Amino acid sequence: MAQHLLDGIGLWADIRCEMPAAAGPVLFVDRDGVLIEDRGFVGSAAQTRLYPDAPAAIAAARALGYRVAIVTNQSGIARGFYDWSGFTAVQEAIDAALARAGAAVDAVLACAYHGEGGAPYAVADHFWRKPNPGMILEGLRRLHGIAARSVMVGDKAGDMAAARAAGLGSAVLIEHERLTTSTDADAVVRSLAEAVAWIARTRAGVS
């Protein structure tokens, strides 16, 4: 576990592939509310519920040529609800579900720092914490990503802001209940599958 903590405390970077020789697009996905149900500070495998269409959507994105990276704020660690072992248990459940669908992610990046957290996580406005772009920029660097061809899919305004700050080409907002009337997203969809379908249409030049 410790090998993934860049600073030994609150920055997680699990890079699962060699640096690609050629630059290419990256699909960045938030975790809670995008891959798994946002059940409030999910910190165990028992709490982890993947959306049914998420594994196939990840596989479809990879088939389109995207490297895939999870980028997730983890204030639940800062607040003491769980620790990095709980985070790892959730990720293992996600990985197992993806594997059953023949899919996988290339990187997992997480930031546990939060201004209202306990020591040593009490860092306000950390560069890696969305809406700041640090995790996305690290993912682009580690996966040889082309920012202008890359996409962020998230369920919060902070995800969209992080995508803009990192210079990504597109930002897609998931709203399960279709509540948004105004947003800084390029598209508003109801699931990761819809997001990947929108990406595929956009790449093909179909509106």
N, C-alpha and C. Protein backbone atom coordinates (compact mmCIF):
# COMPACT_ATOMS: atom_id res chain seq x y z
N MET A 1 0.81 -1.20 0.00
CA MET A 1 0.00 0.00 0.00
C MET A 1 0.85 1.26 0.00
N ALA A 2 1.89 1.28 0.82
CA ALA A 2 2.70 2.48 0.96
C ALA A 2 3.35 2.91 -0.34
N GLN A 3 3.58 1.95 -1.25
CA GLN A 3 4.26 2.31 -2.48
C GLN A 3 3.42 3.23 -3.35
N HIS A 4 2.11 3.30 -3.10
CA HIS A 4 1.25 4.16 -3.89
C HIS A 4 1.09 5.56 -3.29
N LEU A 5 1.54 5.76 -2.06
CA LEU A 5 1.43 7.07 -1.43
C LEU A 5 2.65 7.91 -1.81
N LEU A 6 2.45 8.88 -2.66
CA LEU A 6 3.58 9.65 -3.18
C LEU A 6 4.31 10.41 -2.10
N ASP A 7 3.55 10.93 -1.13
CA ASP A 7 4.16 11.70 -0.06
C ASP A 7 4.11 10.97 1.28
N GLY A 8 3.69 9.71 1.25
CA GLY A 8 3.60 8.93 2.47
C GLY A 8 2.40 9.26 3.33
N ILE A 9 1.53 10.18 2.89
CA ILE A 9 0.41 10.63 3.72
C ILE A 9 -0.91 10.64 2.96
N GLY A 10 -1.04 11.57 2.02
CA GLY A 10 -2.37 11.82 1.48
C GLY A 10 -2.52 11.87 -0.01
N LEU A 11 -1.47 11.57 -0.76
CA LEU A 11 -1.55 11.59 -2.22
C LEU A 11 -1.31 10.18 -2.76
N TRP A 12 -2.32 9.62 -3.41
CA TRP A 12 -2.29 8.24 -3.89
C TRP A 12 -2.15 8.22 -5.40
N ALA A 13 -1.19 7.46 -5.91
CA ALA A 13 -1.03 7.30 -7.36
C ALA A 13 -0.66 5.85 -7.66
N ASP A 14 -1.65 5.10 -8.10
CA ASP A 14 -1.46 3.71 -8.49
C ASP A 14 -1.50 3.66 -10.02
N ILE A 15 -0.32 3.62 -10.64
CA ILE A 15 -0.20 3.62 -12.09
C ILE A 15 0.02 2.18 -12.54
N ARG A 16 -0.87 1.67 -13.37
CA ARG A 16 -0.90 0.24 -13.64
C ARG A 16 -0.40 -0.14 -15.03
N CYS A 17 0.23 0.77 -15.71
CA CYS A 17 0.76 0.46 -17.04
C CYS A 17 2.09 1.16 -17.21
N GLU A 18 2.86 0.68 -18.17
CA GLU A 18 4.09 1.38 -18.53
C GLU A 18 3.72 2.67 -19.24
N MET A 19 4.62 3.64 -19.19
CA MET A 19 4.39 4.89 -19.91
C MET A 19 4.20 4.60 -21.39
N PRO A 20 3.04 4.91 -21.96
CA PRO A 20 2.84 4.65 -23.40
C PRO A 20 3.85 5.41 -24.25
N ALA A 21 4.32 4.78 -25.30
CA ALA A 21 5.31 5.42 -26.16
C ALA A 21 4.72 6.60 -26.91
N ALA A 22 3.47 6.46 -27.33
CA ALA A 22 2.81 7.52 -28.08
C ALA A 22 1.82 8.25 -27.18
N ALA A 23 1.72 9.55 -27.35
CA ALA A 23 0.75 10.32 -26.60
C ALA A 23 -0.66 9.97 -27.09
N GLY A 24 -1.63 10.07 -26.18
CA GLY A 24 -3.00 9.74 -26.55
C GLY A 24 -4.00 10.31 -25.57
N PRO A 25 -5.29 10.09 -25.83
CA PRO A 25 -6.32 10.65 -24.97
C PRO A 25 -6.51 9.84 -23.69
N VAL A 26 -6.93 10.53 -22.64
CA VAL A 26 -7.22 9.88 -21.36
C VAL A 26 -8.65 10.21 -20.96
N LEU A 27 -9.37 9.21 -20.51
CA LEU A 27 -10.68 9.41 -19.90
C LEU A 27 -10.48 9.43 -18.39
N PHE A 28 -10.75 10.57 -17.78
CA PHE A 28 -10.69 10.70 -16.33
C PHE A 28 -12.10 10.54 -15.78
N VAL A 29 -12.26 9.67 -14.78
CA VAL A 29 -13.58 9.45 -14.18
C VAL A 29 -13.50 9.65 -12.68
N ASP A 30 -14.47 10.36 -12.16
CA ASP A 30 -14.65 10.42 -10.72
C ASP A 30 -15.13 9.04 -10.25
N ARG A 31 -15.05 8.79 -8.95
CA ARG A 31 -15.43 7.47 -8.45
C ARG A 31 -16.87 7.45 -7.95
N ASP A 32 -17.14 8.09 -6.82
CA ASP A 32 -18.46 8.06 -6.21
C ASP A 32 -19.45 8.88 -7.04
N GLY A 33 -20.56 8.26 -7.41
CA GLY A 33 -21.54 8.93 -8.25
C GLY A 33 -21.30 8.75 -9.73
N VAL A 34 -20.19 8.11 -10.09
CA VAL A 34 -19.87 7.87 -11.50
C VAL A 34 -19.64 6.37 -11.73
N LEU A 35 -18.66 5.80 -11.04
CA LEU A 35 -18.42 4.36 -11.11
C LEU A 35 -19.26 3.60 -10.09
N ILE A 36 -19.33 4.15 -8.88
CA ILE A 36 -20.06 3.49 -7.81
C ILE A 36 -21.10 4.45 -7.24
N GLU A 37 -22.12 3.89 -6.59
CA GLU A 37 -23.14 4.71 -5.96
C GLU A 37 -22.51 5.55 -4.86
N ASP A 38 -22.90 6.82 -4.82
CA ASP A 38 -22.41 7.72 -3.77
C ASP A 38 -23.25 7.50 -2.54
N ARG A 39 -22.75 6.64 -1.65
CA ARG A 39 -23.48 6.27 -0.44
C ARG A 39 -22.97 7.03 0.79
N GLY A 40 -22.09 8.03 0.54
CA GLY A 40 -21.58 8.84 1.63
C GLY A 40 -20.37 8.21 2.30
N PHE A 41 -19.18 8.67 1.96
CA PHE A 41 -17.93 8.19 2.56
C PHE A 41 -17.82 6.67 2.50
N VAL A 42 -17.78 6.15 1.28
CA VAL A 42 -17.67 4.70 1.08
C VAL A 42 -16.24 4.26 1.40
N GLY A 43 -16.10 3.39 2.39
CA GLY A 43 -14.77 2.98 2.82
C GLY A 43 -14.62 1.50 3.09
N SER A 44 -15.49 0.68 2.48
CA SER A 44 -15.36 -0.78 2.62
C SER A 44 -15.95 -1.45 1.40
N ALA A 45 -15.54 -2.69 1.17
CA ALA A 45 -16.08 -3.45 0.03
C ALA A 45 -17.57 -3.66 0.19
N ALA A 46 -18.03 -3.85 1.44
CA ALA A 46 -19.45 -4.11 1.68
C ALA A 46 -20.33 -2.93 1.27
N GLN A 47 -19.78 -1.72 1.33
CA GLN A 47 -20.54 -0.52 0.96
C GLN A 47 -20.50 -0.23 -0.54
N THR A 48 -19.65 -0.94 -1.28
CA THR A 48 -19.38 -0.61 -2.67
C THR A 48 -20.43 -1.20 -3.60
N ARG A 49 -21.10 -0.34 -4.34
CA ARG A 49 -22.11 -0.76 -5.31
C ARG A 49 -21.80 -0.11 -6.65
N LEU A 50 -21.28 -0.89 -7.59
CA LEU A 50 -21.02 -0.35 -8.92
C LEU A 50 -22.32 -0.14 -9.67
N TYR A 51 -22.37 0.95 -10.45
CA TYR A 51 -23.49 1.09 -11.36
C TYR A 51 -23.41 -0.04 -12.39
N PRO A 52 -24.53 -0.66 -12.72
CA PRO A 52 -24.49 -1.84 -13.60
C PRO A 52 -23.81 -1.61 -14.94
N ASP A 53 -23.94 -0.39 -15.49
CA ASP A 53 -23.39 -0.14 -16.82
C ASP A 53 -21.94 0.32 -16.79
N ALA A 54 -21.37 0.53 -15.60
CA ALA A 54 -20.04 1.12 -15.51
C ALA A 54 -18.94 0.23 -16.11
N PRO A 55 -18.89 -1.07 -15.81
CA PRO A 55 -17.81 -1.88 -16.39
C PRO A 55 -17.81 -1.89 -17.91
N ALA A 56 -18.98 -2.04 -18.52
CA ALA A 56 -19.05 -2.04 -19.99
C ALA A 56 -18.66 -0.68 -20.54
N ALA A 57 -18.99 0.39 -19.82
CA ALA A 57 -18.62 1.72 -20.28
C ALA A 57 -17.10 1.91 -20.27
N ILE A 58 -16.45 1.42 -19.25
CA ILE A 58 -14.98 1.50 -19.20
C ILE A 58 -14.38 0.69 -20.35
N ALA A 59 -14.91 -0.50 -20.59
CA ALA A 59 -14.41 -1.31 -21.70
C ALA A 59 -14.61 -0.60 -23.03
N ALA A 60 -15.76 0.08 -23.20
CA ALA A 60 -16.04 0.79 -24.44
C ALA A 60 -15.08 1.96 -24.63
N ALA A 61 -14.77 2.66 -23.54
CA ALA A 61 -13.83 3.78 -23.64
C ALA A 61 -12.44 3.30 -24.05
N ARG A 62 -12.03 2.18 -23.50
CA ARG A 62 -10.72 1.63 -23.87
C ARG A 62 -10.73 1.18 -25.33
N ALA A 63 -11.86 0.65 -25.79
CA ALA A 63 -11.95 0.24 -27.19
C ALA A 63 -11.86 1.45 -28.13
N LEU A 64 -12.25 2.63 -27.63
CA LEU A 64 -12.12 3.86 -28.42
C LEU A 64 -10.70 4.41 -28.40
N GLY A 65 -9.83 3.78 -27.62
CA GLY A 65 -8.44 4.21 -27.57
C GLY A 65 -8.08 5.09 -26.38
N TYR A 66 -8.98 5.19 -25.41
CA TYR A 66 -8.71 6.01 -24.23
C TYR A 66 -7.99 5.20 -23.16
N ARG A 67 -6.95 5.80 -22.57
CA ARG A 67 -6.45 5.32 -21.30
C ARG A 67 -7.43 5.82 -20.24
N VAL A 68 -7.63 5.07 -19.18
CA VAL A 68 -8.67 5.41 -18.20
C VAL A 68 -8.04 5.59 -16.82
N ALA A 69 -8.35 6.72 -16.19
CA ALA A 69 -7.83 7.01 -14.86
C ALA A 69 -8.96 7.46 -13.94
N ILE A 70 -9.02 6.85 -12.75
CA ILE A 70 -9.93 7.32 -11.71
C ILE A 70 -9.24 8.45 -10.97
N VAL A 71 -9.96 9.56 -10.75
CA VAL A 71 -9.44 10.68 -9.97
C VAL A 71 -10.48 11.03 -8.91
N THR A 72 -10.14 10.84 -7.63
CA THR A 72 -11.16 10.94 -6.59
C THR A 72 -10.66 11.66 -5.35
N ASN A 73 -11.45 12.65 -4.89
CA ASN A 73 -11.20 13.26 -3.58
C ASN A 73 -11.61 12.26 -2.51
N GLN A 74 -10.82 12.18 -1.44
CA GLN A 74 -11.10 11.22 -0.38
C GLN A 74 -11.06 11.90 0.99
N SER A 75 -11.97 12.85 1.19
CA SER A 75 -12.00 13.54 2.48
C SER A 75 -12.46 12.60 3.60
N GLY A 76 -13.06 11.46 3.26
CA GLY A 76 -13.43 10.50 4.28
C GLY A 76 -12.23 10.01 5.07
N ILE A 77 -11.07 9.97 4.43
CA ILE A 77 -9.83 9.61 5.14
C ILE A 77 -9.43 10.75 6.07
N ALA A 78 -9.46 11.98 5.55
CA ALA A 78 -9.09 13.13 6.38
C ALA A 78 -10.01 13.26 7.58
N ARG A 79 -11.28 12.92 7.41
CA ARG A 79 -12.27 13.07 8.47
C ARG A 79 -12.30 11.88 9.43
N GLY A 80 -11.52 10.84 9.12
CA GLY A 80 -11.41 9.70 10.02
C GLY A 80 -12.47 8.65 9.87
N PHE A 81 -13.24 8.66 8.78
CA PHE A 81 -14.27 7.65 8.59
C PHE A 81 -13.69 6.30 8.18
N TYR A 82 -12.55 6.32 7.50
CA TYR A 82 -11.83 5.11 7.11
C TYR A 82 -10.40 5.52 6.79
N ASP A 83 -9.56 4.55 6.46
CA ASP A 83 -8.16 4.86 6.16
C ASP A 83 -7.82 4.34 4.76
N TRP A 84 -6.54 4.36 4.43
CA TRP A 84 -6.17 3.92 3.08
C TRP A 84 -6.45 2.44 2.85
N SER A 85 -6.48 1.64 3.91
CA SER A 85 -6.83 0.23 3.72
C SER A 85 -8.29 0.09 3.32
N GLY A 86 -9.16 0.94 3.87
CA GLY A 86 -10.56 0.94 3.45
C GLY A 86 -10.71 1.39 2.01
N PHE A 87 -9.95 2.42 1.64
CA PHE A 87 -9.95 2.89 0.26
C PHE A 87 -9.52 1.76 -0.67
N THR A 88 -8.48 1.04 -0.29
CA THR A 88 -7.98 -0.07 -1.10
C THR A 88 -9.03 -1.16 -1.25
N ALA A 89 -9.78 -1.44 -0.19
CA ALA A 89 -10.82 -2.47 -0.25
C ALA A 89 -11.90 -2.09 -1.26
N VAL A 90 -12.27 -0.81 -1.28
CA VAL A 90 -13.25 -0.34 -2.27
C VAL A 90 -12.69 -0.50 -3.68
N GLN A 91 -11.44 -0.11 -3.87
CA GLN A 91 -10.84 -0.21 -5.20
C GLN A 91 -10.74 -1.65 -5.66
N GLU A 92 -10.43 -2.56 -4.75
CA GLU A 92 -10.35 -3.97 -5.12
C GLU A 92 -11.72 -4.49 -5.58
N ALA A 93 -12.79 -4.02 -4.93
CA ALA A 93 -14.13 -4.43 -5.35
C ALA A 93 -14.44 -3.88 -6.74
N ILE A 94 -14.04 -2.64 -6.99
CA ILE A 94 -14.23 -2.05 -8.32
C ILE A 94 -13.44 -2.83 -9.36
N ASP A 95 -12.17 -3.11 -9.06
CA ASP A 95 -11.32 -3.84 -10.00
C ASP A 95 -11.89 -5.20 -10.34
N ALA A 96 -12.43 -5.90 -9.33
CA ALA A 96 -12.98 -7.23 -9.56
C ALA A 96 -14.19 -7.16 -10.48
N ALA A 97 -15.04 -6.17 -10.28
CA ALA A 97 -16.22 -6.02 -11.13
C ALA A 97 -15.82 -5.66 -12.55
N LEU A 98 -14.83 -4.79 -12.70
CA LEU A 98 -14.35 -4.45 -14.04
C LEU A 98 -13.76 -5.67 -14.74
N ALA A 99 -12.98 -6.44 -14.00
CA ALA A 99 -12.33 -7.62 -14.59
C ALA A 99 -13.36 -8.62 -15.10
N ARG A 100 -14.47 -8.76 -14.38
CA ARG A 100 -15.51 -9.69 -14.83
C ARG A 100 -16.10 -9.27 -16.16
N ALA A 101 -16.00 -7.98 -16.47
CA ALA A 101 -16.50 -7.47 -17.76
C ALA A 101 -15.38 -7.32 -18.77
N GLY A 102 -14.18 -7.82 -18.45
CA GLY A 102 -13.06 -7.70 -19.35
C GLY A 102 -12.51 -6.30 -19.45
N ALA A 103 -12.67 -5.51 -18.38
CA ALA A 103 -12.22 -4.12 -18.37
C ALA A 103 -11.26 -3.88 -17.21
N ALA A 104 -10.60 -2.73 -17.26
CA ALA A 104 -9.67 -2.33 -16.21
C ALA A 104 -9.38 -0.85 -16.37
N VAL A 105 -8.81 -0.26 -15.32
CA VAL A 105 -8.36 1.12 -15.42
C VAL A 105 -6.83 1.13 -15.44
N ASP A 106 -6.28 2.21 -16.00
CA ASP A 106 -4.83 2.33 -16.12
C ASP A 106 -4.19 3.03 -14.93
N ALA A 107 -4.99 3.80 -14.19
CA ALA A 107 -4.43 4.53 -13.05
C ALA A 107 -5.54 4.88 -12.07
N VAL A 108 -5.15 4.98 -10.81
CA VAL A 108 -6.05 5.44 -9.75
C VAL A 108 -5.31 6.51 -8.98
N LEU A 109 -5.88 7.72 -8.96
CA LEU A 109 -5.27 8.82 -8.22
C LEU A 109 -6.28 9.35 -7.22
N ALA A 110 -5.81 9.64 -6.01
CA ALA A 110 -6.71 10.09 -4.95
C ALA A 110 -6.01 11.11 -4.07
N CYS A 111 -6.81 12.02 -3.53
CA CYS A 111 -6.29 13.04 -2.62
C CYS A 111 -7.10 13.01 -1.33
N ALA A 112 -6.44 12.76 -0.21
CA ALA A 112 -7.11 12.67 1.08
C ALA A 112 -7.08 13.98 1.86
N TYR A 113 -6.40 14.98 1.36
CA TYR A 113 -6.28 16.23 2.12
C TYR A 113 -7.58 17.02 2.08
N HIS A 114 -7.90 17.64 3.22
CA HIS A 114 -9.10 18.46 3.34
C HIS A 114 -8.92 19.46 4.47
N GLY A 115 -9.36 20.67 4.24
CA GLY A 115 -9.16 21.73 5.23
C GLY A 115 -9.80 21.45 6.57
N GLU A 116 -10.86 20.62 6.61
CA GLU A 116 -11.54 20.31 7.85
C GLU A 116 -11.15 18.94 8.39
N GLY A 117 -10.09 18.36 7.84
CA GLY A 117 -9.65 17.04 8.28
C GLY A 117 -8.78 17.12 9.52
N GLY A 118 -8.46 15.95 10.05
CA GLY A 118 -7.55 15.87 11.19
C GLY A 118 -6.12 15.76 10.70
N ALA A 119 -5.18 16.00 11.61
CA ALA A 119 -3.77 15.87 11.28
C ALA A 119 -3.48 14.42 10.91
N PRO A 120 -2.62 14.19 9.94
CA PRO A 120 -1.83 15.13 9.14
C PRO A 120 -2.49 15.55 7.82
N TYR A 121 -3.81 15.34 7.72
CA TYR A 121 -4.52 15.57 6.45
C TYR A 121 -5.12 16.97 6.34
N ALA A 122 -5.00 17.77 7.38
CA ALA A 122 -5.67 19.08 7.41
C ALA A 122 -4.92 20.10 6.56
N VAL A 123 -5.08 19.98 5.28
CA VAL A 123 -4.49 20.92 4.32
C VAL A 123 -5.61 21.49 3.48
N ALA A 124 -5.80 22.79 3.54
CA ALA A 124 -6.88 23.43 2.79
C ALA A 124 -6.46 23.68 1.34
N ASP A 125 -7.38 23.43 0.42
CA ASP A 125 -7.18 23.77 -0.99
C ASP A 125 -5.91 23.17 -1.58
N HIS A 126 -5.67 21.91 -1.29
CA HIS A 126 -4.49 21.23 -1.84
C HIS A 126 -4.58 21.20 -3.36
N PHE A 127 -3.44 21.32 -4.02
CA PHE A 127 -3.39 21.37 -5.49
C PHE A 127 -3.99 20.13 -6.13
N TRP A 128 -3.92 18.98 -5.45
CA TRP A 128 -4.47 17.75 -6.01
C TRP A 128 -5.97 17.64 -5.79
N ARG A 129 -6.51 18.35 -4.82
CA ARG A 129 -7.92 18.17 -4.50
C ARG A 129 -8.79 18.94 -5.50
N LYS A 130 -9.68 18.24 -6.19
CA LYS A 130 -10.61 18.91 -7.07
C LYS A 130 -11.45 19.92 -6.26
N PRO A 131 -11.69 21.12 -6.79
CA PRO A 131 -11.65 21.55 -8.18
C PRO A 131 -10.28 21.96 -8.72
N ASN A 132 -9.22 21.77 -7.94
CA ASN A 132 -7.87 22.03 -8.46
C ASN A 132 -7.46 20.89 -9.41
N PRO A 133 -6.52 21.15 -10.30
CA PRO A 133 -6.24 20.20 -11.39
C PRO A 133 -5.14 19.19 -11.12
N GLY A 134 -4.57 19.16 -9.91
CA GLY A 134 -3.36 18.37 -9.67
C GLY A 134 -3.45 16.91 -10.04
N MET A 135 -4.54 16.23 -9.65
CA MET A 135 -4.65 14.81 -9.97
C MET A 135 -4.72 14.58 -11.47
N ILE A 136 -5.48 15.43 -12.16
CA ILE A 136 -5.60 15.27 -13.61
C ILE A 136 -4.26 15.52 -14.29
N LEU A 137 -3.55 16.56 -13.87
CA LEU A 137 -2.25 16.84 -14.47
C LEU A 137 -1.27 15.70 -14.22
N GLU A 138 -1.31 15.12 -13.04
CA GLU A 138 -0.45 13.97 -12.74
C GLU A 138 -0.81 12.79 -13.64
N GLY A 139 -2.11 12.57 -13.83
CA GLY A 139 -2.55 11.49 -14.71
C GLY A 139 -2.11 11.71 -16.15
N LEU A 140 -2.22 12.94 -16.62
CA LEU A 140 -1.74 13.23 -17.98
C LEU A 140 -0.25 12.95 -18.10
N ARG A 141 0.51 13.35 -17.09
CA ARG A 141 1.95 13.14 -17.13
C ARG A 141 2.30 11.66 -17.10
N ARG A 142 1.67 10.90 -16.23
CA ARG A 142 2.01 9.49 -16.07
C ARG A 142 1.52 8.62 -17.21
N LEU A 143 0.45 9.04 -17.88
CA LEU A 143 -0.13 8.23 -18.95
C LEU A 143 0.15 8.80 -20.34
N HIS A 144 1.05 9.79 -20.42
CA HIS A 144 1.41 10.41 -21.70
C HIS A 144 0.15 10.89 -22.41
N GLY A 145 -0.68 11.60 -21.65
CA GLY A 145 -1.96 12.03 -22.17
C GLY A 145 -1.89 13.34 -22.92
N ILE A 146 -2.78 13.49 -23.87
CA ILE A 146 -2.96 14.74 -24.61
C ILE A 146 -4.15 15.45 -24.01
N ALA A 147 -3.92 16.55 -23.33
CA ALA A 147 -4.99 17.23 -22.60
C ALA A 147 -6.16 17.59 -23.50
N ALA A 148 -5.87 18.16 -24.66
CA ALA A 148 -6.92 18.66 -25.53
C ALA A 148 -7.81 17.55 -26.09
N ARG A 149 -7.33 16.31 -26.05
CA ARG A 149 -8.13 15.17 -26.52
C ARG A 149 -8.72 14.36 -25.38
N SER A 150 -8.47 14.78 -24.16
CA SER A 150 -8.90 14.02 -23.00
C SER A 150 -10.22 14.55 -22.44
N VAL A 151 -10.89 13.72 -21.65
CA VAL A 151 -12.24 14.01 -21.17
C VAL A 151 -12.32 13.71 -19.68
N MET A 152 -13.07 14.54 -18.96
CA MET A 152 -13.40 14.28 -17.56
C MET A 152 -14.88 13.96 -17.46
N VAL A 153 -15.22 12.89 -16.73
CA VAL A 153 -16.61 12.58 -16.43
C VAL A 153 -16.77 12.60 -14.92
N GLY A 154 -17.63 13.48 -14.43
CA GLY A 154 -17.84 13.60 -12.99
C GLY A 154 -19.28 13.94 -12.69
N ASP A 155 -19.59 14.01 -11.40
CA ASP A 155 -20.96 14.30 -11.01
C ASP A 155 -21.07 15.59 -10.18
N LYS A 156 -20.00 16.38 -10.14
CA LYS A 156 -20.01 17.60 -9.35
C LYS A 156 -19.38 18.74 -10.15
N ALA A 157 -19.75 19.96 -9.77
CA ALA A 157 -19.18 21.13 -10.41
C ALA A 157 -17.67 21.16 -10.26
N GLY A 158 -17.16 20.65 -9.15
CA GLY A 158 -15.72 20.62 -8.94
C GLY A 158 -14.99 19.76 -9.94
N ASP A 159 -15.65 18.71 -10.42
CA ASP A 159 -15.04 17.87 -11.46
C ASP A 159 -14.91 18.66 -12.75
N MET A 160 -15.94 19.42 -13.07
CA MET A 160 -15.92 20.22 -14.29
C MET A 160 -14.84 21.31 -14.19
N ALA A 161 -14.75 21.94 -13.03
CA ALA A 161 -13.75 22.99 -12.82
C ALA A 161 -12.34 22.44 -12.92
N ALA A 162 -12.11 21.25 -12.37
CA ALA A 162 -10.78 20.64 -12.44
C ALA A 162 -10.41 20.33 -13.89
N ALA A 163 -11.39 19.87 -14.67
CA ALA A 163 -11.14 19.58 -16.08
C ALA A 163 -10.74 20.84 -16.82
N ARG A 164 -11.45 21.93 -16.57
CA ARG A 164 -11.12 23.20 -17.24
C ARG A 164 -9.74 23.69 -16.82
N ALA A 165 -9.45 23.60 -15.52
CA ALA A 165 -8.16 24.08 -15.03
C ALA A 165 -7.00 23.28 -15.60
N ALA A 166 -7.24 21.99 -15.90
CA ALA A 166 -6.20 21.14 -16.46
C ALA A 166 -6.11 21.24 -17.98
N GLY A 167 -7.01 21.98 -18.59
CA GLY A 167 -6.98 22.15 -20.04
C GLY A 167 -7.53 20.99 -20.83
N LEU A 168 -8.42 20.20 -20.22
CA LEU A 168 -8.98 19.06 -20.95
C LEU A 168 -9.91 19.53 -22.06
N GLY A 169 -10.05 18.67 -23.06
CA GLY A 169 -10.87 19.03 -24.20
C GLY A 169 -12.35 19.05 -23.91
N SER A 170 -12.81 18.15 -23.02
CA SER A 170 -14.24 18.05 -22.73
C SER A 170 -14.47 17.69 -21.28
N ALA A 171 -15.62 18.11 -20.78
CA ALA A 171 -16.05 17.76 -19.42
C ALA A 171 -17.51 17.36 -19.48
N VAL A 172 -17.83 16.19 -18.95
CA VAL A 172 -19.18 15.65 -19.02
C VAL A 172 -19.70 15.46 -17.60
N LEU A 173 -20.88 15.99 -17.33
CA LEU A 173 -21.49 15.92 -16.00
C LEU A 173 -22.55 14.83 -15.97
N ILE A 174 -22.45 13.96 -14.98
CA ILE A 174 -23.50 12.96 -14.74
C ILE A 174 -24.46 13.52 -13.70
N GLU A 175 -25.73 13.55 -14.06
CA GLU A 175 -26.79 13.90 -13.10
C GLU A 175 -27.85 12.83 -13.22
N HIS A 176 -27.95 12.00 -12.21
CA HIS A 176 -28.85 10.86 -12.27
C HIS A 176 -30.32 11.28 -12.33
N GLU A 177 -30.61 12.48 -11.83
CA GLU A 177 -32.00 12.95 -11.80
C GLU A 177 -32.27 14.09 -12.78
N ARG A 178 -31.29 14.47 -13.59
CA ARG A 178 -31.48 15.54 -14.57
C ARG A 178 -31.95 16.83 -13.90
N LEU A 179 -31.14 17.37 -13.01
CA LEU A 179 -31.51 18.55 -12.25
C LEU A 179 -30.91 19.84 -12.78
N THR A 180 -29.84 19.76 -13.53
CA THR A 180 -29.10 20.96 -13.90
C THR A 180 -29.82 21.77 -14.99
N THR A 181 -29.86 23.08 -14.76
CA THR A 181 -30.36 23.98 -15.80
C THR A 181 -29.22 24.78 -16.42
N SER A 182 -28.13 24.93 -15.68
CA SER A 182 -26.97 25.66 -16.20
C SER A 182 -25.72 25.02 -15.62
N THR A 183 -24.77 24.69 -16.48
CA THR A 183 -23.57 24.03 -16.01
C THR A 183 -22.41 24.33 -16.95
N ASP A 184 -21.20 24.19 -16.44
CA ASP A 184 -20.02 24.40 -17.26
C ASP A 184 -19.59 23.12 -17.95
N ALA A 185 -20.52 22.19 -18.14
CA ALA A 185 -20.21 20.93 -18.80
C ALA A 185 -20.50 21.02 -20.29
N ASP A 186 -19.78 20.21 -21.06
CA ASP A 186 -20.05 20.12 -22.50
C ASP A 186 -21.26 19.25 -22.77
N ALA A 187 -21.59 18.37 -21.83
CA ALA A 187 -22.77 17.53 -21.96
C ALA A 187 -23.23 17.14 -20.56
N VAL A 188 -24.53 16.95 -20.41
CA VAL A 188 -25.10 16.45 -19.15
C VAL A 188 -25.81 15.14 -19.48
N VAL A 189 -25.42 14.08 -18.78
CA VAL A 189 -25.94 12.75 -19.06
C VAL A 189 -26.39 12.10 -17.76
N ARG A 190 -26.90 10.89 -17.86
CA ARG A 190 -27.43 10.24 -16.67
C ARG A 190 -26.59 9.06 -16.19
N SER A 191 -25.54 8.71 -16.93
CA SER A 191 -24.72 7.56 -16.53
C SER A 191 -23.38 7.62 -17.25
N LEU A 192 -22.44 6.80 -16.77
CA LEU A 192 -21.15 6.71 -17.44
C LEU A 192 -21.32 6.14 -18.84
N ALA A 193 -22.24 5.20 -19.01
CA ALA A 193 -22.49 4.65 -20.34
C ALA A 193 -22.93 5.73 -21.31
N GLU A 194 -23.83 6.62 -20.86
CA GLU A 194 -24.27 7.72 -21.72
C GLU A 194 -23.11 8.66 -22.02
N ALA A 195 -22.23 8.86 -21.03
CA ALA A 195 -21.07 9.73 -21.25
C ALA A 195 -20.16 9.17 -22.32
N VAL A 196 -19.88 7.88 -22.26
CA VAL A 196 -18.99 7.26 -23.24
C VAL A 196 -19.65 7.26 -24.62
N ALA A 197 -20.95 7.06 -24.65
CA ALA A 197 -21.66 7.13 -25.94
C ALA A 197 -21.56 8.54 -26.53
N TRP A 198 -21.67 9.57 -25.68
CA TRP A 198 -21.51 10.95 -26.15
C TRP A 198 -20.09 11.17 -26.68
N ILE A 199 -19.09 10.64 -25.98
CA ILE A 199 -17.70 10.76 -26.44
C ILE A 199 -17.55 10.11 -27.81
N ALA A 200 -18.12 8.93 -27.97
CA ALA A 200 -18.01 8.22 -29.26
C ALA A 200 -18.66 9.02 -30.39
N ARG A 201 -19.84 9.60 -30.13
CA ARG A 201 -20.52 10.39 -31.16
C ARG A 201 -19.71 11.64 -31.50
N THR A 202 -19.15 12.27 -30.47
CA THR A 202 -18.38 13.48 -30.68
C THR A 202 -17.14 13.20 -31.52
N ARG A 203 -16.46 12.11 -31.21
CA ARG A 203 -15.28 11.73 -31.99
C ARG A 203 -15.64 11.43 -33.44
N ALA A 204 -16.83 10.91 -33.64
CA ALA A 204 -17.26 10.57 -35.01
C ALA A 204 -17.83 11.78 -35.74
N GLY A 205 -17.94 12.90 -35.01
CA GLY A 205 -18.47 14.11 -35.63
C GLY A 205 -19.98 14.13 -35.75
N VAL A 206 -20.65 13.32 -34.91
CA VAL A 206 -22.11 13.25 -34.93
C VAL A 206 -22.63 14.04 -33.74
N SER A 207 -23.54 14.96 -33.98
CA SER A 207 -24.07 15.77 -32.88
C SER A 207 -25.12 15.00 -32.11
